[in-house]
C-alpha atoms as a PDB file:
ATOM      1  CA  UNK A   1       0.000   0.000   0.000  1.00  0.00           C
ATOM      2  CA  UNK A   2       2.813   2.411   0.869  1.00  0.00           C
ATOM      3  CA  UNK A   3       4.386   1.683  -2.492  1.00  0.00           C
ATOM      4  CA  UNK A   4       1.072   2.265  -4.177  1.00  0.00           C
ATOM      5  CA  UNK A   5       0.502   5.573  -2.363  1.00  0.00           C
ATOM      6  CA  UNK A   6       4.008   6.624  -3.352  1.00  0.00           C
ATOM      7  CA  UNK A   7       3.227   5.707  -6.927  1.00  0.00           C
ATOM      8  CA  UNK A   8       0.037   7.784  -6.850  1.00  0.00           C
ATOM      9  CA  UNK A   9       1.976  10.701  -5.394  1.00  0.00           C
ATOM     10  CA  UNK A  10       4.661  10.366  -8.052  1.00  0.00           C
ATOM     11  CA  UNK A  11       2.040  10.125 -10.771  1.00  0.00           C
ATOM     12  CA  UNK A  12       0.120  13.091  -9.477  1.00  0.00           C
ATOM     13  CA  UNK A  13       3.135  15.355  -9.002  1.00  0.00           C
ATOM     14  CA  UNK A  14       5.562  13.908 -12.034  1.00  0.00           C
ATOM     15  CA  UNK A  15       9.276  13.583   4.071  1.00  0.00           C
ATOM     16  CA  UNK A  16      11.427  17.668  19.052  1.00  0.00           C
ATOM     17  CA  UNK A  17      14.158  17.148  27.156  1.00  0.00           C
ATOM     18  CA  UNK A  18      21.386  24.370  62.478  1.00  0.00           C
ATOM     19  CA  UNK A  19      23.520  25.518  64.639  1.00  0.00           C
ATOM     20  CA  UNK A  20      23.227  24.732  68.261  1.00  0.00           C
ATOM     21  CA  UNK A  21      24.206  26.787  71.299  1.00  0.00           C
ATOM     22  CA  UNK A  22      24.896  25.819  74.931  1.00  0.00           C
ATOM     23  CA  UNK A  23      24.677  27.565  78.354  1.00  0.00           C
ATOM     24  CA  UNK A  24      27.332  27.738  81.145  1.00  0.00           C
ATOM     25  CA  UNK A  25      26.647  28.198  84.917  1.00  0.00           C
ATOM     26  CA  UNK A  26      28.836  29.180  87.940  1.00  0.00           C
ATOM     27  CA  UNK A  27      28.374  29.313  91.754  1.00  0.00           C
ATOM     28  CA  UNK A  28      29.875  31.647  94.358  1.00  0.00           C
ATOM     29  CA  UNK A  29      30.190  31.049  98.174  1.00  0.00           C
ATOM     30  CA  UNK A  30      29.397  34.119 100.396  1.00  0.00           C
ATOM     31  CA  UNK A  31      30.509  34.630 104.080  1.00  0.00           C
ATOM     32  CA  UNK A  32      27.240  36.062 105.373  1.00  0.00           C
ATOM     33  CA  UNK A  33      23.605  35.060 105.161  1.00  0.00           C
ATOM     34  CA  UNK A  34      22.642  38.617 104.240  1.00  0.00           C
ATOM     35  CA  UNK A  35      24.950  38.569 101.325  1.00  0.00           C
ATOM     36  CA  UNK A  36      23.536  35.248 100.292  1.00  0.00           C
ATOM     37  CA  UNK A  37      19.981  36.500 100.669  1.00  0.00           C
ATOM     38  CA  UNK A  38      20.765  39.668  98.760  1.00  0.00           C
ATOM     39  CA  UNK A  39      22.391  37.684  96.027  1.00  0.00           C
ATOM     40  CA  UNK A  40      19.438  35.369  95.880  1.00  0.00           C
ATOM     41  CA  UNK A  41      17.010  38.260  95.706  1.00  0.00           C
ATOM     42  CA  UNK A  42      19.052  39.946  93.022  1.00  0.00           C
ATOM     43  CA  UNK A  43      19.219  36.702  91.161  1.00  0.00           C
ATOM     44  CA  UNK A  44      15.466  36.274  91.405  1.00  0.00           C
ATOM     45  CA  UNK A  45      14.932  39.806  90.134  1.00  0.00           C
ATOM     46  CA  UNK A  46      17.415  39.236  87.355  1.00  0.00           C
ATOM     47  CA  UNK A  47      15.729  35.959  86.490  1.00  0.00           C
ATOM     48  CA  UNK A  48      12.350  37.627  86.371  1.00  0.00           C
ATOM     49  CA  UNK A  49      13.689  40.429  84.228  1.00  0.00           C
ATOM     50  CA  UNK A  50      15.406  37.934  81.980  1.00  0.00           C
ATOM     51  CA  UNK A  51      12.260  35.882  81.618  1.00  0.00           C
ATOM     52  CA  UNK A  52      10.283  38.995  80.812  1.00  0.00           C
ATOM     53  CA  UNK A  53      12.840  40.019  78.207  1.00  0.00           C
ATOM     54  CA  UNK A  54      12.845  36.489  76.761  1.00  0.00           C
ATOM     55  CA  UNK A  55       9.054  36.449  76.592  1.00  0.00           C
ATOM     56  CA  UNK A  56       9.040  39.830  74.916  1.00  0.00           C
ATOM     57  CA  UNK A  57      11.751  38.750  72.506  1.00  0.00           C
ATOM     58  CA  UNK A  58       9.953  35.511  71.774  1.00  0.00           C
ATOM     59  CA  UNK A  59       6.728  37.373  71.082  1.00  0.00           C
ATOM     60  CA  UNK A  60       8.500  39.819  68.810  1.00  0.00           C
ATOM     61  CA  UNK A  61      10.307  37.020  67.007  1.00  0.00           C
ATOM     62  CA  UNK A  62       7.094  35.068  66.545  1.00  0.00           C
ATOM     63  CA  UNK A  63       5.300  38.117  65.221  1.00  0.00           C
ATOM     64  CA  UNK A  64       8.136  38.893  62.842  1.00  0.00           C
ATOM     65  CA  UNK A  65       8.246  35.278  61.662  1.00  0.00           C
ATOM     66  CA  UNK A  66       4.517  35.217  61.066  1.00  0.00           C
ATOM     67  CA  UNK A  67       4.693  38.497  59.161  1.00  0.00           C
ATOM     68  CA  UNK A  68       7.599  37.274  57.041  1.00  0.00           C
ATOM     69  CA  UNK A  69       5.890  33.933  56.339  1.00  0.00           C
ATOM     70  CA  UNK A  70       2.669  35.653  55.401  1.00  0.00           C
ATOM     71  CA  UNK A  71       4.520  38.057  53.107  1.00  0.00           C
ATOM     72  CA  UNK A  72       6.460  35.216  51.466  1.00  0.00           C
ATOM     73  CA  UNK A  73       3.306  33.151  50.982  1.00  0.00           C
ATOM     74  CA  UNK A  74       1.496  36.109  49.494  1.00  0.00           C
ATOM     75  CA  UNK A  75       4.405  36.838  47.163  1.00  0.00           C
ATOM     76  CA  UNK A  76       4.616  33.175  46.080  1.00  0.00           C
ATOM     77  CA  UNK A  77       0.870  33.051  45.473  1.00  0.00           C
ATOM     78  CA  UNK A  78       1.000  36.212  43.394  1.00  0.00           C
ATOM     79  CA  UNK A  79       3.938  34.867  41.403  1.00  0.00           C
ATOM     80  CA  UNK A  80       2.192  31.533  40.779  1.00  0.00           C
ATOM     81  CA  UNK A  81      -1.030  33.263  39.773  1.00  0.00           C
ATOM     82  CA  UNK A  82       0.852  35.597  37.452  1.00  0.00           C
ATOM     83  CA  UNK A  83       2.724  32.668  35.861  1.00  0.00           C
ATOM     84  CA  UNK A  84      -0.486  30.684  35.400  1.00  0.00           C
ATOM     85  CA  UNK A  85      -2.261  33.665  33.882  1.00  0.00           C
ATOM     86  CA  UNK A  86       0.650  34.319  31.529  1.00  0.00           C
ATOM     87  CA  UNK A  87       0.739  30.657  30.455  1.00  0.00           C
ATOM     88  CA  UNK A  88      -3.018  30.624  29.853  1.00  0.00           C
ATOM     89  CA  UNK A  89      -2.791  33.840  27.847  1.00  0.00           C
ATOM     90  CA  UNK A  90       0.054  32.465  25.729  1.00  0.00           C
ATOM     91  CA  UNK A  91      -1.873  29.234  25.113  1.00  0.00           C
ATOM     92  CA  UNK A  92      -4.998  31.159  24.119  1.00  0.00           C
ATOM     93  CA  UNK A  93      -2.981  33.455  21.851  1.00  0.00           C
ATOM     94  CA  UNK A  94      -1.289  30.469  20.221  1.00  0.00           C
ATOM     95  CA  UNK A  95      -4.617  28.717  19.736  1.00  0.00           C
ATOM     96  CA  UNK A  96      -6.098  31.859  18.199  1.00  0.00           C
ATOM     97  CA  UNK A  97      -3.091  32.165  15.884  1.00  0.00           C
ATOM     98  CA  UNK A  98      -3.449  28.540  14.772  1.00  0.00           C
ATOM     99  CA  UNK A  99      -7.175  29.006  14.232  1.00  0.00           C
ATOM    100  CA  UNK A 100      -6.524  32.156  12.228  1.00  0.00           C
ATOM    101  CA  UNK A 101      -3.768  30.484  10.209  1.00  0.00           C
ATOM    102  CA  UNK A 102      -6.024  27.522   9.412  1.00  0.00           C
ATOM    103  CA  UNK A 103      -8.481  29.694   7.500  1.00  0.00           C
ATOM    104  CA  UNK A 104      -7.800  30.628   3.884  1.00  0.00           C
ATOM    105  CA  UNK A 105      -9.596  32.744   1.323  1.00  0.00           C
ATOM    106  CA  UNK A 106      -9.261  30.180  -1.441  1.00  0.00           C
ATOM    107  CA  UNK A 107      -7.297  27.133  -2.570  1.00  0.00           C
ATOM    108  CA  UNK A 108      -4.474  29.194  -4.058  1.00  0.00           C
ATOM    109  CA  UNK A 109      -4.036  31.036  -0.726  1.00  0.00           C
ATOM    110  CA  UNK A 110      -3.745  27.725   1.121  1.00  0.00           C
ATOM    111  CA  UNK A 111      -1.285  26.152  -1.307  1.00  0.00           C
ATOM    112  CA  UNK A 112       0.984  29.185  -1.672  1.00  0.00           C
ATOM    113  CA  UNK A 113       1.031  29.810   2.114  1.00  0.00           C
ATOM    114  CA  UNK A 114       3.265  26.758   2.571  1.00  0.00           C
ATOM    115  CA  UNK A 115       1.260  25.841   5.697  1.00  0.00           C
ATOM    116  CA  UNK A 116       0.109  22.419   4.508  1.00  0.00           C
ATOM    117  CA  UNK A 117       2.807  20.431   6.332  1.00  0.00           C
ATOM    118  CA  UNK A 118       2.937  22.755   9.377  1.00  0.00           C
ATOM    119  CA  UNK A 119      -0.699  22.635  10.450  1.00  0.00           C
ATOM    120  CA  UNK A 120      -1.780  21.661  13.972  1.00  0.00           C
ATOM    121  CA  UNK A 121      -2.664  17.981  13.671  1.00  0.00           C
ATOM    122  CA  UNK A 122      -3.541  14.804  15.523  1.00  0.00           C
ATOM    123  CA  UNK A 123      -2.432  11.268  14.709  1.00  0.00           C
ATOM    124  CA  UNK A 124      -5.087   8.667  14.007  1.00  0.00           C
ATOM    125  CA  UNK A 125      -4.877   5.000  12.919  1.00  0.00           C
ATOM    126  CA  UNK A 126      -4.618   4.575   9.159  1.00  0.00           C
ATOM    127  CA  UNK A 127      -7.824   2.507   9.219  1.00  0.00           C
ATOM    128  CA  UNK A 128      -9.750   5.558  10.506  1.00  0.00           C
ATOM    129  CA  UNK A 129      -8.324   7.961   7.930  1.00  0.00           C
ATOM    130  CA  UNK A 130     -10.008   9.286   4.815  1.00  0.00           C
ATOM    131  CA  UNK A 131      -6.841   8.597   2.821  1.00  0.00           C
ATOM    132  CA  UNK A 132      -6.876   4.851   3.405  1.00  0.00           C
ATOM    133  CA  UNK A 133     -10.631   4.753   2.896  1.00  0.00           C
ATOM    134  CA  UNK A 134     -10.269   6.582  -0.423  1.00  0.00           C
ATOM    135  CA  UNK A 135      -7.461   4.351  -1.677  1.00  0.00           C
ATOM    136  CA  UNK A 136      -9.818   1.384  -1.506  1.00  0.00           C
ATOM    137  CA  UNK A 137     -11.411   2.563  -4.752  1.00  0.00           C
ATOM    138  CA  UNK A 138      -8.579   0.565  -6.316  1.00  0.00           C
ATOM    139  CA  UNK A 139      -9.396  -2.631  -4.423  1.00  0.00           C
ATOM    140  CA  UNK A 140     -10.246  -5.211  -7.056  1.00  0.00           C
ATOM    141  CA  UNK A 141      -9.565  -2.706  -9.850  1.00  0.00           C
ATOM    142  CA  UNK A 142      -7.474  -3.591 -12.855  1.00  0.00           C
ATOM    143  CA  UNK A 143      -6.398  -0.078 -13.711  1.00  0.00           C
ATOM    144  CA  UNK A 144      -5.936   3.537 -12.672  1.00  0.00           C
ATOM    145  CA  UNK A 145      -7.418   6.636 -14.254  1.00  0.00           C
ATOM    146  CA  UNK A 146      -6.844  10.227 -13.181  1.00  0.00           C
ATOM    147  CA  UNK A 147      -7.664  13.687 -14.449  1.00  0.00           C
ATOM    148  CA  UNK A 148      -5.721  16.263 -12.468  1.00  0.00           C
ATOM    149  CA  UNK A 149      -4.460  19.820 -12.893  1.00  0.00           C
ATOM    150  CA  UNK A 150      -2.000  22.094 -11.159  1.00  0.00           C
ATOM    151  CA  UNK A 151      -3.766  24.387  -8.668  1.00  0.00           C
ATOM    152  CA  UNK A 152      -3.050  27.495 -10.764  1.00  0.00           C
ATOM    153  CA  UNK A 153      -4.211  25.756 -13.958  1.00  0.00           C
ATOM    154  CA  UNK A 154      -0.745  26.072 -15.519  1.00  0.00           C
ATOM    155  CA  UNK A 155      -0.554  22.328 -16.218  1.00  0.00           C
ATOM    156  CA  UNK A 156      -2.912  19.390 -16.460  1.00  0.00           C
ATOM    157  CA  UNK A 157      -2.585  15.636 -16.809  1.00  0.00           C
ATOM    158  CA  UNK A 158      -4.961  12.900 -17.863  1.00  0.00           C
ATOM    159  CA  UNK A 159      -3.520   9.454 -17.260  1.00  0.00           C
ATOM    160  CA  UNK A 160      -4.749   5.919 -17.695  1.00  0.00           C
ATOM    161  CA  UNK A 161      -2.977   2.693 -16.767  1.00  0.00           C
ATOM    162  CA  UNK A 162      -4.442  -0.741 -17.332  1.00  0.00           C
ATOM    163  CA  UNK A 163      -2.446  -3.946 -17.305  1.00  0.00           C
ATOM    164  CA  UNK A 164       0.451  -3.257 -19.700  1.00  0.00           C
ATOM    165  CA  UNK A 165      -1.069  -0.199 -21.368  1.00  0.00           C
ATOM    166  CA  UNK A 166      -0.355   3.433 -20.561  1.00  0.00           C
ATOM    167  CA  UNK A 167      -1.926   6.712 -21.688  1.00  0.00           C
ATOM    168  CA  UNK A 168      -0.745  10.189 -20.675  1.00  0.00           C
ATOM    169  CA  UNK A 169      -2.026  13.472 -22.020  1.00  0.00           C
ATOM    170  CA  UNK A 170      -0.231  16.548 -20.752  1.00  0.00           C
ATOM    171  CA  UNK A 171      -1.158  20.187 -21.271  1.00  0.00           C
ATOM    172  CA  UNK A 172       1.006  23.221 -20.497  1.00  0.00           C
ATOM    173  CA  UNK A 173      -0.744  26.586 -20.548  1.00  0.00           C
ATOM    174  CA  UNK A 174       2.403  28.668 -21.043  1.00  0.00           C
ATOM    175  CA  UNK A 175       3.177  27.055 -24.382  1.00  0.00           C
ATOM    176  CA  UNK A 176      -0.372  25.989 -25.158  1.00  0.00           C
ATOM    177  CA  UNK A 177       1.034  22.518 -25.809  1.00  0.00           C
ATOM    178  CA  UNK A 178      -0.877  19.251 -25.732  1.00  0.00           C
ATOM    179  CA  UNK A 179       1.368  16.180 -25.786  1.00  0.00           C
ATOM    180  CA  UNK A 180       0.136  12.601 -25.616  1.00  0.00           C
ATOM    181  CA  UNK A 181       2.225   9.545 -24.775  1.00  0.00           C
ATOM    182  CA  UNK A 182       0.638   6.210 -25.541  1.00  0.00           C
ATOM    183  CA  UNK A 183       1.861   2.655 -25.033  1.00  0.00           C
ATOM    184  CA  UNK A 184      -0.443   0.018 -26.411  1.00  0.00           C
ATOM    185  CA  UNK A 185       1.482  -3.016 -25.206  1.00  0.00           C
ATOM    186  CA  UNK A 186       3.764  -3.139 -28.199  1.00  0.00           C
ATOM    187  CA  UNK A 187       4.638   0.341 -29.382  1.00  0.00           C
ATOM    188  CA  UNK A 188       5.222   3.723 -27.783  1.00  0.00           C
ATOM    189  CA  UNK A 189       3.625   6.742 -29.469  1.00  0.00           C
ATOM    190  CA  UNK A 190       4.449  10.428 -28.970  1.00  0.00           C
ATOM    191  CA  UNK A 191       1.674  12.625 -30.378  1.00  0.00           C
ATOM    192  CA  UNK A 192       1.411  16.400 -30.777  1.00  0.00           C
ATOM    193  CA  UNK A 193      -2.236  17.420 -30.829  1.00  0.00           C
ATOM    194  CA  UNK A 194      -1.674  20.851 -32.340  1.00  0.00           C
ATOM    195  CA  UNK A 195       0.234  19.683 -35.403  1.00  0.00           C
ATOM    196  CA  UNK A 196      -1.450  16.276 -35.603  1.00  0.00           C
ATOM    197  CA  UNK A 197       1.960  14.682 -35.950  1.00  0.00           C
ATOM    198  CA  UNK A 198       3.912  12.113 -33.981  1.00  0.00           C
ATOM    199  CA  UNK A 199       6.227   9.154 -34.057  1.00  0.00           C
ATOM    200  CA  UNK A 200       6.211   5.563 -32.882  1.00  0.00           C
ATOM    201  CA  UNK A 201       8.813   3.000 -31.808  1.00  0.00           C
ATOM    202  CA  UNK A 202       8.874  -0.545 -30.496  1.00  0.00           C
ATOM    203  CA  UNK A 203       9.502  -0.752 -26.762  1.00  0.00           C
ATOM    204  CA  UNK A 204      11.023  -3.635 -24.842  1.00  0.00           C
ATOM    205  CA  UNK A 205       8.277  -5.175 -22.673  1.00  0.00           C
ATOM    206  CA  UNK A 206      10.700  -5.605 -19.750  1.00  0.00           C
ATOM    207  CA  UNK A 207      11.200  -1.823 -19.692  1.00  0.00           C
ATOM    208  CA  UNK A 208       7.478  -1.382 -19.087  1.00  0.00           C
ATOM    209  CA  UNK A 209       7.091  -3.947 -16.246  1.00  0.00           C
ATOM    210  CA  UNK A 210       7.296  -1.285 -13.526  1.00  0.00           C
ATOM    211  CA  UNK A 211       4.262   0.378 -15.091  1.00  0.00           C
ATOM    212  CA  UNK A 212       2.070  -2.724 -14.972  1.00  0.00           C
ATOM    213  CA  UNK A 213      -0.625  -1.270 -12.724  1.00  0.00           C
ATOM    214  CA  UNK A 214      -2.698  -4.437 -12.955  1.00  0.00           C
ATOM    215  CA  UNK A 215       0.118  -6.474 -11.404  1.00  0.00           C
ATOM    216  CA  UNK A 216       0.716  -3.786  -8.775  1.00  0.00           C
ATOM    217  CA  UNK A 217      -2.943  -3.698  -7.717  1.00  0.00           C
ATOM    218  CA  UNK A 218      -3.215  -7.494  -7.731  1.00  0.00           C
ATOM    219  CA  UNK A 219      -0.344  -7.792  -5.237  1.00  0.00           C
ATOM    220  CA  UNK A 220      -1.943  -5.496  -2.656  1.00  0.00           C
ATOM    221  CA  UNK A 221      -3.733  -6.907   0.421  1.00  0.00           C
ATOM    222  CA  UNK A 222      -5.602  -3.735   1.358  1.00  0.00           C
ATOM    223  CA  UNK A 223      -6.634  -4.954   4.845  1.00  0.00           C
ATOM    224  CA  UNK A 224      -3.135  -6.124   5.786  1.00  0.00           C
ATOM    225  CA  UNK A 225      -1.468  -3.016   4.388  1.00  0.00           C
ATOM    226  CA  UNK A 226      -3.860  -0.718   6.234  1.00  0.00           C
ATOM    227  CA  UNK A 227      -3.354  -2.661   9.479  1.00  0.00           C
ATOM    228  CA  UNK A 228       0.420  -2.221   9.428  1.00  0.00           C
ATOM    229  CA  UNK A 229       0.450   1.332   8.088  1.00  0.00           C
ATOM    230  CA  UNK A 230       1.724   4.135  10.325  1.00  0.00           C
ATOM    231  CA  UNK A 231      -0.688   6.655  11.858  1.00  0.00           C
ATOM    232  CA  UNK A 232      -1.997   9.404   9.628  1.00  0.00           C
ATOM    233  CA  UNK A 233      -1.722  13.088  10.657  1.00  0.00           C
ATOM    234  CA  UNK A 234      -5.071  14.872  10.400  1.00  0.00           C
ATOM    235  CA  UNK A 235      -5.789  18.619  10.343  1.00  0.00           C
ATOM    236  CA  UNK A 236      -9.020  20.590   9.970  1.00  0.00           C
ATOM    237  CA  UNK A 237      -8.881  23.772   7.908  1.00  0.00           C
ATOM    238  CA  UNK A 238     -11.247  26.256   6.330  1.00  0.00           C
ATOM    239  CA  UNK A 239     -10.962  27.307   2.702  1.00  0.00           C
ATOM    240  CA  UNK A 240     -13.348  29.837   1.229  1.00  0.00           C
ATOM    241  CA  UNK A 241     -15.690  29.413   4.200  1.00  0.00           C
ATOM    242  CA  UNK A 242     -15.923  25.619   3.747  1.00  0.00           C
ATOM    243  CA  UNK A 243     -14.411  22.956   6.047  1.00  0.00           C
ATOM    244  CA  UNK A 244     -11.747  20.633   4.664  1.00  0.00           C
ATOM    245  CA  UNK A 245      -9.675  17.785   6.080  1.00  0.00           C
ATOM    246  CA  UNK A 246      -5.969  17.583   5.291  1.00  0.00           C
ATOM    247  CA  UNK A 247      -4.173  14.301   5.926  1.00  0.00           C
ATOM    248  CA  UNK A 248      -0.495  13.344   5.694  1.00  0.00           C
ATOM    249  CA  UNK A 249       0.266   9.660   5.174  1.00  0.00           C
ATOM    250  CA  UNK A 250       3.528   7.872   5.985  1.00  0.00           C
ATOM    251  CA  UNK A 251       4.638   8.462   2.390  1.00  0.00           C
ATOM    252  CA  UNK A 252       4.629  12.228   3.206  1.00  0.00           C
ATOM    253  CA  UNK A 253       1.933  12.592   0.586  1.00  0.00           C
ATOM    254  CA  UNK A 254      -0.761  15.106   1.516  1.00  0.00           C
ATOM    255  CA  UNK A 255      -4.427  14.479   0.694  1.00  0.00           C
ATOM    256  CA  UNK A 256      -7.146  17.130   0.930  1.00  0.00           C
ATOM    257  CA  UNK A 257     -10.814  16.136   1.338  1.00  0.00           C
ATOM    258  CA  UNK A 258     -13.958  18.263   1.296  1.00  0.00           C
ATOM    259  CA  UNK A 259     -16.790  18.124   3.841  1.00  0.00           C
ATOM    260  CA  UNK A 260     -18.330  15.218   1.936  1.00  0.00           C
ATOM    261  CA  UNK A 261     -15.024  13.288   2.163  1.00  0.00           C
ATOM    262  CA  UNK A 262     -14.324  13.589  -1.558  1.00  0.00           C
ATOM    263  CA  UNK A 263     -10.670  13.804  -2.607  1.00  0.00           C
ATOM    264  CA  UNK A 264      -9.966  17.378  -3.734  1.00  0.00           C
ATOM    265  CA  UNK A 265      -6.195  17.700  -4.046  1.00  0.00           C
ATOM    266  CA  UNK A 266      -2.948  15.805  -3.686  1.00  0.00           C
ATOM    267  CA  UNK A 267       0.150  17.497  -2.209  1.00  0.00           C
ATOM    268  CA  UNK A 268       3.884  16.827  -2.190  1.00  0.00           C
ATOM    269  CA  UNK A 269       6.038  17.840   0.813  1.00  0.00           C
ATOM    270  CA  UNK A 270       8.537  19.352  -1.588  1.00  0.00           C
ATOM    271  CA  UNK A 271       8.734  23.141  -1.227  1.00  0.00           C
ATOM    272  CA  UNK A 272       6.549  23.067   1.940  1.00  0.00           C
ATOM    273  CA  UNK A 273       3.562  21.628   0.118  1.00  0.00           C
ATOM    274  CA  UNK A 274       3.408  24.338  -2.517  1.00  0.00           C
ATOM    275  CA  UNK A 275       3.149  21.617  -5.148  1.00  0.00           C
ATOM    276  CA  UNK A 276      -0.468  20.565  -5.354  1.00  0.00           C
ATOM    277  CA  UNK A 277      -2.693  19.071  -7.998  1.00  0.00           C
ATOM    278  CA  UNK A 278      -6.445  19.438  -8.005  1.00  0.00           C
ATOM    279  CA  UNK A 279      -8.290  16.176  -8.591  1.00  0.00           C
ATOM    280  CA  UNK A 280     -11.030  16.261 -11.198  1.00  0.00           C
ATOM    281  CA  UNK A 281     -11.271  12.469 -11.283  1.00  0.00           C
ATOM    282  CA  UNK A 282      -9.375   9.578  -9.752  1.00  0.00           C
ATOM    283  CA  UNK A 283     -10.668   6.057 -10.129  1.00  0.00           C
ATOM    284  CA  UNK A 284      -9.937   2.418 -10.882  1.00  0.00           C
ATOM    285  CA  UNK A 285     -12.008   2.432 -14.063  1.00  0.00           C
ATOM    286  CA  UNK A 286     -10.171   3.244 -17.282  1.00  0.00           C
ATOM    287  CA  UNK A 287     -11.959   4.024 -20.587  1.00  0.00           C
ATOM    288  CA  UNK A 288     -10.702   1.403 -23.033  1.00  0.00           C
ATOM    289  CA  UNK A 289     -10.751   3.779 -26.003  1.00  0.00           C
ATOM    290  CA  UNK A 290      -7.965   5.990 -24.653  1.00  0.00           C
ATOM    291  CA  UNK A 291      -5.431   3.299 -25.561  1.00  0.00           C
ATOM    292  CA  UNK A 292      -6.338   3.517 -29.235  1.00  0.00           C
ATOM    293  CA  UNK A 293      -4.170   5.614 -31.538  1.00  0.00           C
ATOM    294  CA  UNK A 294      -6.353   8.528 -32.709  1.00  0.00           C
ATOM    295  CA  UNK A 295      -7.008   8.961 -36.395  1.00  0.00           C
ATOM    296  CA  UNK A 296      -5.908  11.951 -38.424  1.00  0.00           C
ATOM    297  CA  UNK A 297      -2.272  11.945 -37.252  1.00  0.00           C
ATOM    298  CA  UNK A 298       0.794  11.750 -39.447  1.00  0.00           C
ATOM    299  CA  UNK A 299       2.985   9.300 -37.561  1.00  0.00           C
ATOM    300  CA  UNK A 300       6.606   8.561 -38.368  1.00  0.00           C
ATOM    301  CA  UNK A 301       7.648   4.956 -37.717  1.00  0.00           C
ATOM    302  CA  UNK A 302      11.055   5.282 -36.080  1.00  0.00           C
ATOM    303  CA  UNK A 303      11.724   1.534 -36.358  1.00  0.00           C
ATOM    304  CA  UNK A 304      11.329   1.649 -40.115  1.00  0.00           C
ATOM    305  CA  UNK A 305      13.402   4.831 -40.359  1.00  0.00           C
ATOM    306  CA  UNK A 306      16.261   3.272 -38.393  1.00  0.00           C
ATOM    307  CA  UNK A 307      16.148   0.152 -40.545  1.00  0.00           C
ATOM    308  CA  UNK A 308      16.796   2.084 -43.727  1.00  0.00           C
END
């Protein structure tokens, strides 16, 4: 499946880690009882004064400590609140910026912005994605048909692949050129629509094996491939007032779907997603007649020319 998605991408667009302190005491022997009494009284007074001073000091210290603690707590609370408010504001601003960036006037504004691969996204299982649901249009198919054009209408491509046959019609607006390449299983044709001329040559079948879309599709187990596929990144955007879903698969291919889940455009990560093709049609049904060489062309047989 990954190989097939890569092929579709290639076809469509021809990828944060205490100190302690101690107290000393001393005693003194007096000769008289009066002296002893006086000393005792003085000591008692001193003790009382000391206790009063200690109580006062303790009260002052406690009050100071409480005031300091309260001030620190208040400051911490204010700081935390300020930080939380700032973070919330930044998150809201970022969300608003993302929301604003995910809205575009039209398809050209979205493509040329280069935002496609930088959108806010979430990862979902491949089985739940629109991309892997869409790719199942090729389940059981024997071919691939697409009609796509560059977003600015400067180029377009119609391509059909069925078994060993290939058809490609390319148009370039700048030169007003329509060129068709056709391989019918035996010969390769290069046709110029404007001049109704072209040439043909025999092509080695082995050189065309990589283009055998029938073999490629037949080898795909869609359920198994989807099961083992990596998650798909999904973004929601608004273009011209309508909601779209943009998904990036593990191939780095980008796929844009409208609100009805129809494929609208296919992106390449090259140049920040500024390479995008609008999808007019993409299916597993190929009109058989496109592999027929059109009438009215003057075709030079290169094989015959080289043989001369």
